[in-house]
Protein backbone atom coordinates (compact mmCIF):
# COMPACT_ATOMS: atom_id res chain seq x y z
CA MET A 1 -225.57 -25.58 -101.13
CA ARG A 2 -227.16 -25.50 -97.76
CA LEU A 3 -225.36 -28.61 -96.69
CA ARG A 4 -222.01 -27.06 -97.62
CA ASN A 5 -222.73 -23.99 -95.55
CA ASN A 6 -223.67 -26.11 -92.56
CA SER A 7 -220.43 -28.04 -92.89
CA GLN A 8 -218.33 -24.91 -92.95
CA GLY A 9 -220.11 -23.48 -89.93
CA LEU A 10 -219.46 -26.65 -88.03
CA LYS A 11 -215.76 -26.42 -88.77
CA LEU A 12 -215.63 -22.81 -87.60
CA LYS A 13 -217.30 -23.77 -84.34
CA ARG A 14 -214.80 -26.55 -83.73
CA LYS A 15 -211.86 -24.24 -84.45
CA GLY A 16 -213.21 -21.61 -82.13
CA ALA A 17 -213.69 -24.18 -79.40
CA SER A 18 -210.11 -25.33 -79.83
CA LEU A 19 -208.77 -21.76 -79.57
CA PHE A 20 -210.89 -21.17 -76.49
CA MET A 21 -209.47 -24.26 -74.81
CA SER A 22 -205.88 -23.18 -75.59
CA TYR A 23 -206.52 -19.71 -74.20
CA ARG A 24 -208.08 -21.14 -71.05
CA ASN A 25 -205.05 -23.40 -70.51
CA PHE A 26 -202.65 -20.46 -70.91
CA ILE A 27 -204.65 -18.41 -68.40
CA SER A 28 -204.49 -21.32 -65.96
CA PHE A 29 -200.71 -21.58 -66.36
CA ILE A 30 -200.26 -17.86 -65.73
CA ALA A 31 -202.43 -18.05 -62.64
CA PHE A 32 -200.49 -21.08 -61.33
CA PHE A 33 -197.18 -19.28 -61.89
CA PHE A 34 -198.30 -16.23 -59.93
CA PHE A 35 -199.58 -18.50 -57.17
CA ILE A 36 -196.22 -20.11 -56.86
CA MET A 37 -194.38 -16.78 -56.75
CA VAL A 38 -196.69 -15.39 -54.08
CA SER A 39 -196.23 -18.55 -52.00
CA LEU A 40 -192.42 -18.24 -52.16
CA VAL A 41 -192.51 -14.58 -51.09
CA VAL A 42 -194.85 -15.32 -48.19
CA THR A 43 -192.75 -18.29 -47.09
CA HIS A 44 -189.56 -16.24 -47.19
CA HIS A 45 -191.16 -13.42 -45.21
CA ASN A 46 -192.48 -15.78 -42.53
CA THR A 47 -189.18 -17.59 -42.26
CA HIS A 48 -186.67 -14.70 -42.10
CA GLY A 49 -188.96 -11.91 -40.97
CA GLN A 50 -187.26 -9.35 -43.22
CA VAL A 51 -185.57 -8.88 -46.46
CA PRO A 52 -181.89 -9.82 -46.09
CA THR A 53 -179.47 -6.89 -46.04
CA PRO A 54 -176.39 -6.93 -48.20
CA LEU A 55 -173.12 -8.08 -46.57
CA ALA A 56 -170.87 -5.43 -45.03
CA SER A 57 -167.65 -4.77 -46.91
CA LEU A 58 -164.71 -6.88 -45.69
CA PRO A 59 -161.72 -5.10 -44.05
CA PRO A 60 -158.59 -4.82 -46.23
CA LEU A 61 -156.00 -7.62 -45.97
CA PRO A 62 -152.96 -6.73 -43.80
CA THR A 63 -149.79 -5.82 -45.67
CA LEU A 64 -147.23 -8.69 -45.52
CA PRO A 65 -143.76 -7.77 -44.27
CA PRO A 66 -141.00 -7.89 -46.94
CA LEU A 67 -139.09 -11.14 -47.30
CA PRO A 68 -135.61 -11.11 -45.68
CA THR A 69 -132.76 -10.50 -48.10
CA PRO A 70 -130.62 -13.68 -48.40
CA PRO A 71 -126.95 -13.27 -47.39
CA SER A 72 -124.51 -12.65 -50.22
CA THR A 73 -122.40 -15.70 -49.26
CA LEU A 74 -123.65 -18.88 -47.71
CA PRO A 75 -122.04 -19.95 -44.42
CA PRO A 76 -119.56 -22.85 -44.78
CA LEU A 77 -120.92 -26.31 -44.31
CA PRO A 78 -119.92 -27.96 -41.03
CA THR A 79 -116.98 -30.36 -41.26
CA PRO A 80 -118.29 -33.92 -41.21
CA PRO A 81 -116.96 -36.08 -38.40
CA PRO A 82 -114.20 -38.52 -39.39
CA ILE A 83 -115.36 -41.94 -40.47
CA PRO A 84 -114.45 -44.40 -37.73
CA THR A 85 -111.96 -47.00 -38.84
CA LEU A 86 -112.54 -50.61 -38.11
CA SER A 87 -110.25 -51.89 -35.41
CA PRO A 88 -108.02 -54.73 -36.58
CA SER A 89 -108.76 -58.19 -35.39
CA PRO A 90 -106.95 -59.09 -32.17
CA ALA A 91 -103.50 -60.62 -32.59
CA THR A 92 -103.88 -64.15 -31.28
CA GLY A 93 -101.71 -66.21 -33.64
CA ILE A 94 -99.06 -68.55 -32.22
CA VAL A 95 -96.24 -70.31 -34.09
CA PHE A 96 -93.50 -72.55 -32.74
CA GLY A 97 -90.84 -74.96 -33.96
CA PHE A 98 -87.48 -76.67 -33.45
CA VAL A 99 -83.97 -76.15 -34.85
CA SER A 100 -81.36 -78.92 -35.11
CA ASP A 101 -78.09 -79.73 -36.89
CA LEU A 102 -77.39 -82.36 -39.56
CA ASP A 103 -77.09 -85.03 -36.86
CA GLU A 104 -80.61 -84.08 -35.62
CA GLU A 105 -79.12 -82.73 -32.42
CA PRO A 106 -80.99 -79.68 -31.06
CA LEU A 107 -79.22 -76.37 -31.57
CA THR A 108 -79.33 -73.92 -28.69
CA GLY A 109 -78.70 -70.20 -29.01
CA VAL A 110 -80.02 -69.90 -32.57
CA THR A 111 -81.39 -66.40 -33.13
CA VAL A 112 -84.83 -66.69 -34.76
CA THR A 113 -86.23 -63.44 -36.17
CA ILE A 114 -89.81 -63.09 -37.40
CA THR A 115 -90.66 -60.15 -39.66
CA GLY A 116 -94.08 -59.07 -40.95
CA THR A 117 -95.95 -55.93 -41.93
CA GLU A 118 -94.86 -53.31 -39.39
CA PHE A 119 -93.83 -56.08 -37.00
CA SER A 120 -90.55 -57.71 -35.98
CA ASP A 121 -89.44 -59.83 -33.05
CA SER A 122 -86.58 -62.17 -32.13
CA GLU A 123 -86.14 -65.21 -29.90
CA GLU A 124 -83.31 -67.64 -29.14
CA THR A 125 -83.76 -71.38 -29.14
CA ASP A 126 -83.51 -73.14 -25.78
CA VAL A 127 -81.57 -76.32 -24.95
CA ASP A 128 -84.12 -78.35 -26.89
CA GLY A 129 -83.80 -76.12 -29.95
CA PHE A 130 -87.35 -74.86 -29.29
CA TYR A 131 -88.70 -71.39 -30.04
CA THR A 132 -92.16 -69.77 -30.09
CA PHE A 133 -93.84 -66.47 -31.07
CA GLU A 134 -97.22 -65.39 -29.69
CA ASN A 135 -99.81 -62.63 -30.27
CA LEU A 136 -99.32 -62.59 -34.02
CA ALA A 137 -101.86 -60.90 -36.30
CA ALA A 138 -103.08 -62.53 -39.49
CA GLY A 139 -100.69 -61.98 -42.40
CA ASP A 140 -97.47 -63.10 -44.07
CA TYR A 141 -94.20 -63.49 -42.17
CA THR A 142 -90.55 -64.33 -42.84
CA LEU A 143 -88.52 -66.26 -40.27
CA THR A 144 -84.71 -66.08 -40.30
CA TYR A 145 -82.45 -68.51 -38.39
CA GLU A 146 -78.89 -67.37 -37.58
CA LYS A 147 -76.04 -68.87 -35.56
CA GLU A 148 -72.31 -68.31 -35.67
CA GLY A 149 -70.61 -71.03 -37.66
CA TYR A 150 -73.82 -72.16 -39.40
CA GLN A 151 -75.45 -71.25 -42.68
CA THR A 152 -78.37 -68.86 -42.31
CA GLN A 153 -81.81 -70.35 -43.04
CA THR A 154 -85.16 -68.68 -43.85
CA GLN A 155 -88.75 -69.77 -44.35
CA GLU A 156 -92.02 -68.01 -45.30
CA ILE A 157 -95.31 -68.55 -43.44
CA SER A 158 -98.86 -67.18 -43.71
CA LEU A 159 -101.32 -66.91 -40.80
CA GLY A 160 -105.10 -66.66 -41.10
CA GLU A 161 -107.48 -65.02 -38.64
CA ASN A 162 -108.26 -67.03 -35.51
CA GLU A 163 -105.89 -69.75 -36.67
CA PRO A 164 -104.96 -72.28 -33.97
CA PRO A 165 -101.30 -72.62 -32.82
CA SER A 166 -99.26 -73.68 -35.83
CA PRO A 167 -96.18 -75.92 -35.55
CA LEU A 168 -93.63 -74.99 -38.20
CA ASP A 169 -91.38 -77.31 -40.16
CA ASP A 170 -88.23 -78.35 -38.33
CA VAL A 171 -85.23 -76.30 -39.42
CA ILE A 172 -81.93 -78.09 -40.03
CA MET A 173 -78.88 -75.83 -40.05
CA GLU A 174 -75.66 -76.86 -41.74
CA GLU A 175 -72.34 -75.97 -40.21
CA VAL A 176 -70.29 -73.62 -42.33
CA VAL A 177 -67.04 -75.20 -43.49
CA LYS A 178 -64.47 -72.50 -42.96
CA ALA A 179 -61.55 -71.85 -45.24
CA LYS A 180 -57.96 -71.09 -44.20
CA ILE A 181 -54.94 -69.26 -45.55
CA SER A 182 -51.53 -70.11 -44.15
CA GLY A 183 -47.97 -69.72 -45.34
CA TYR A 184 -44.48 -68.30 -44.84
CA VAL A 185 -42.77 -64.98 -45.23
CA VAL A 186 -39.27 -65.28 -46.75
CA ASP A 187 -36.59 -63.06 -48.25
CA ILE A 188 -35.16 -63.36 -51.75
CA GLU A 189 -32.86 -66.10 -50.54
CA GLY A 190 -35.80 -68.14 -49.23
CA ASP A 191 -34.88 -67.64 -45.62
CA PRO A 192 -37.78 -67.16 -43.22
CA ILE A 193 -38.41 -63.70 -41.74
CA GLU A 194 -39.98 -63.39 -38.35
CA LYS A 195 -42.08 -60.61 -36.85
CA VAL A 196 -43.48 -59.51 -40.18
CA ARG A 197 -46.79 -57.70 -39.73
CA LEU A 198 -49.46 -59.20 -41.97
CA LYS A 199 -52.92 -57.73 -42.58
CA ILE A 200 -55.72 -59.52 -44.42
CA LYS A 201 -58.76 -57.84 -45.98
CA GLY A 202 -61.82 -59.45 -47.61
CA ILE A 203 -63.05 -57.86 -50.83
CA LYS A 204 -66.72 -58.93 -50.61
CA THR A 205 -67.28 -59.42 -46.89
CA ARG A 206 -65.07 -56.54 -45.71
CA TYR A 207 -63.29 -58.96 -43.42
CA ASN A 208 -60.21 -57.55 -41.63
CA ASP A 209 -57.62 -59.23 -39.42
CA SER A 210 -53.91 -59.09 -38.65
CA GLU A 211 -51.18 -61.57 -37.72
CA SER A 212 -47.40 -61.72 -37.24
CA SER A 213 -45.02 -64.32 -38.59
CA ASP A 214 -43.23 -66.52 -36.05
CA ALA A 215 -39.54 -67.46 -35.91
CA GLU A 216 -40.00 -69.74 -38.89
CA GLY A 217 -41.78 -67.05 -40.86
CA PHE A 218 -45.08 -68.93 -40.49
CA PHE A 219 -48.52 -67.23 -40.32
CA GLU A 220 -52.14 -68.43 -40.46
CA PHE A 221 -55.63 -66.92 -40.99
CA PRO A 222 -58.26 -69.53 -40.06
CA ASP A 223 -62.08 -69.47 -40.11
CA LEU A 224 -62.41 -67.65 -43.41
CA GLU A 225 -65.50 -67.63 -45.64
CA GLU A 226 -65.58 -67.95 -49.39
CA ASN A 227 -64.12 -64.69 -50.64
CA THR A 228 -61.19 -62.95 -52.29
CA TYR A 229 -58.57 -61.71 -49.83
CA VAL A 230 -55.59 -59.35 -50.04
CA ILE A 231 -52.67 -59.94 -47.63
CA THR A 232 -50.21 -57.13 -47.00
CA ALA A 233 -46.80 -57.85 -45.39
CA LYS A 234 -44.83 -55.05 -43.70
CA LYS A 235 -41.52 -55.01 -41.82
CA LYS A 236 -39.07 -52.22 -41.11
CA GLY A 237 -36.12 -52.36 -43.48
CA PHE A 238 -38.13 -54.28 -46.09
CA ARG A 239 -40.37 -53.24 -48.91
CA ASN A 240 -44.09 -53.87 -48.48
CA ALA A 241 -45.45 -56.89 -50.31
CA LYS A 242 -49.00 -57.91 -51.27
CA LYS A 243 -50.61 -61.23 -52.07
CA THR A 244 -54.12 -61.80 -53.48
CA VAL A 245 -55.80 -65.11 -52.66
CA LYS A 246 -59.21 -66.33 -53.88
CA LEU A 247 -60.78 -68.87 -51.53
CA GLU A 248 -63.61 -71.31 -52.17
CA GLU A 249 -65.83 -72.60 -49.36
CA GLY A 250 -63.86 -74.89 -47.06
CA GLU A 251 -60.63 -74.44 -49.04
CA ASP A 252 -57.23 -74.61 -47.32
CA ARG A 253 -54.60 -72.55 -49.14
CA GLU A 254 -50.89 -72.24 -48.39
CA VAL A 255 -48.97 -69.28 -49.84
CA GLU A 256 -45.49 -67.83 -49.73
CA ILE A 257 -44.86 -64.11 -49.47
CA GLU A 258 -41.47 -62.79 -50.48
CA ILE A 259 -40.23 -59.40 -49.21
CA ARG A 260 -37.06 -57.59 -50.20
CA LYS A 261 -34.76 -55.43 -48.16
CA THR A 262 -34.72 -51.72 -48.91
CA ILE A 263 -31.49 -50.23 -50.43
CA LYS A 264 -30.05 -47.37 -48.41
CA ARG A 265 -28.71 -44.49 -50.43
CA ILE A 266 -25.56 -42.88 -49.07
CA LYS A 267 -25.03 -39.19 -49.82
CA LEU A 268 -21.37 -38.31 -50.34
CA GLU A 269 -20.42 -35.13 -48.55
CA GLY A 270 -17.15 -34.66 -50.36
CA MET A 271 -15.27 -35.75 -53.39
CA LEU A 272 -11.72 -37.06 -53.66
CA ASP A 273 -9.21 -34.88 -55.53
């Protein structure tokens, strides 16, 4: 019994000692906290010398001016400058050639015409049948060769940029074989009639010419091309007569044109009883 009481008393002492230690630690913490606070206040006072005053109130912000009112219609945009066009390459092309007849003899006086895009020029061949064209731009061209009494010739060429002088194929021109119409003007008896006025007209080529029959009633229309012709014969005291002749190239035709005398009508002024 006594031992139990001693044991309980010992426990109470230990518990009290534990509570005392906890209380002493709390008191130490409180004292340390106050020490820290006092140190901060003293340090602040020594550093700044006084308690900081509150900041003065800031002045009001200035009132912004109102934004400008946009115009009701926008001004027109400036006209852009024209786009510069590229200048064409310089015309430096040169072509040349020769013209001759079937016997390979040079033909002089042949009119050679060159035609291209917005370009045309003409030259005549010299005594050697030579011709040339200079300062030609790159492109396609047509050359035409013309001479009286010869068939017209053409050829197509194409020039590139900066192409060196180009000799063209030799042109051979054939002489045109002319046709001819000749004949006689006679009356109904077959006798020749002179001084009959004859006019010839081509249907396709619009060729026109005139001739008179000689004492033997003979007439002639040379140097005709292939065509259909109408010959009209007129003479005072005779009725007009027409003759249609169709000619082939180089053909020689002989015709006879017959004209009749006009019949005079006599008006009787009186009658026999």
